[in-house]
């Protein structure tokens, strides 16, 4: 089994994995003034999707 000759630093790991970071969901406002993810805008306007309320 292949074994690396030296340990990878946290900095190098982070630079390599930087493309794995999650991006914030793009929110848009519906006609009712509710912010929903872009992919659910039409469903929200048609009344098929109701966003969860934060307590």
C-alpha atoms as a PDB file:
ATOM      1  CA  UNK A   1       0.000   0.000   0.000  1.00  0.00           C
ATOM      2  CA  UNK A   2       1.280   3.461  -0.879  1.00  0.00           C
ATOM      3  CA  UNK A   3       2.242   5.644   2.065  1.00  0.00           C
ATOM      4  CA  UNK A   4       3.103   9.348   1.769  1.00  0.00           C
ATOM      5  CA  UNK A   5       6.690  10.228   2.734  1.00  0.00           C
ATOM      6  CA  UNK A   6       5.711  13.254   4.794  1.00  0.00           C
ATOM      7  CA  UNK A   7       2.681  14.542   6.578  1.00  0.00           C
ATOM      8  CA  UNK A   8       0.401  17.007   4.780  1.00  0.00           C
ATOM      9  CA  UNK A   9      -0.034  20.251   6.713  1.00  0.00           C
ATOM     10  CA  UNK A  10      -3.463  21.593   7.608  1.00  0.00           C
ATOM     11  CA  UNK A  11      -2.805  24.545   5.326  1.00  0.00           C
ATOM     12  CA  UNK A  12      -2.103  22.302   2.341  1.00  0.00           C
ATOM     13  CA  UNK A  13      -5.156  20.176   3.111  1.00  0.00           C
ATOM     14  CA  UNK A  14      -7.308  23.291   3.235  1.00  0.00           C
ATOM     15  CA  UNK A  15      -5.964  24.599  -0.046  1.00  0.00           C
ATOM     16  CA  UNK A  16      -6.635  21.279  -1.734  1.00  0.00           C
ATOM     17  CA  UNK A  17     -10.137  20.972  -0.302  1.00  0.00           C
ATOM     18  CA  UNK A  18     -11.179  24.587  -0.767  1.00  0.00           C
ATOM     19  CA  UNK A  19     -13.353  23.686  -3.750  1.00  0.00           C
ATOM     20  CA  UNK A  20     -15.479  21.459  -1.508  1.00  0.00           C
ATOM     21  CA  UNK A  21     -16.806  24.400   0.515  1.00  0.00           C
ATOM     22  CA  UNK A  22     -20.580  24.799   0.531  1.00  0.00           C
ATOM     23  CA  UNK A  23     -22.001  27.973  -0.927  1.00  0.00           C
ATOM     24  CA  UNK A  24     -24.924  29.839   0.561  1.00  0.00           C
ATOM     25  CA  UNK A  25     -28.255  29.100  -1.080  1.00  0.00           C
ATOM     26  CA  UNK A  26     -29.355  31.824  -3.456  1.00  0.00           C
ATOM     27  CA  UNK A  27     -32.543  33.271  -2.064  1.00  0.00           C
ATOM     28  CA  UNK A  28     -35.063  35.244  -4.095  1.00  0.00           C
ATOM     29  CA  UNK A  29     -38.213  37.033  -3.035  1.00  0.00           C
ATOM     30  CA  UNK A  30     -41.584  35.772  -4.224  1.00  0.00           C
ATOM     31  CA  UNK A  31     -44.518  38.029  -5.021  1.00  0.00           C
ATOM     32  CA  UNK A  32     -45.716  37.476  -1.448  1.00  0.00           C
ATOM     33  CA  UNK A  33     -42.402  38.818  -0.131  1.00  0.00           C
ATOM     34  CA  UNK A  34     -41.119  35.481   1.153  1.00  0.00           C
ATOM     35  CA  UNK A  35     -37.467  34.557   0.612  1.00  0.00           C
ATOM     36  CA  UNK A  36     -37.115  31.068  -0.901  1.00  0.00           C
ATOM     37  CA  UNK A  37     -34.339  29.238  -2.762  1.00  0.00           C
ATOM     38  CA  UNK A  38     -34.317  30.085  -6.465  1.00  0.00           C
ATOM     39  CA  UNK A  39     -35.231  26.540  -7.510  1.00  0.00           C
ATOM     40  CA  UNK A  40     -38.432  26.666  -5.414  1.00  0.00           C
ATOM     41  CA  UNK A  41     -39.690  30.126  -6.434  1.00  0.00           C
ATOM     42  CA  UNK A  42     -42.320  28.952  -8.895  1.00  0.00           C
ATOM     43  CA  UNK A  43     -43.575  26.244  -6.521  1.00  0.00           C
ATOM     44  CA  UNK A  44     -43.892  28.820  -3.725  1.00  0.00           C
ATOM     45  CA  UNK A  45     -45.858  31.187  -5.955  1.00  0.00           C
ATOM     46  CA  UNK A  46     -48.206  28.372  -6.975  1.00  0.00           C
ATOM     47  CA  UNK A  47     -48.714  27.413  -3.331  1.00  0.00           C
ATOM     48  CA  UNK A  48     -47.049  24.006  -3.691  1.00  0.00           C
ATOM     49  CA  UNK A  49     -44.189  24.874  -1.337  1.00  0.00           C
ATOM     50  CA  UNK A  50     -44.420  26.514   2.052  1.00  0.00           C
ATOM     51  CA  UNK A  51     -41.075  27.487   3.583  1.00  0.00           C
ATOM     52  CA  UNK A  52     -40.392  26.284   7.104  1.00  0.00           C
ATOM     53  CA  UNK A  53     -40.776  28.923   9.783  1.00  0.00           C
ATOM     54  CA  UNK A  54     -37.812  29.456  12.069  1.00  0.00           C
ATOM     55  CA  UNK A  55     -38.695  29.450  15.746  1.00  0.00           C
END
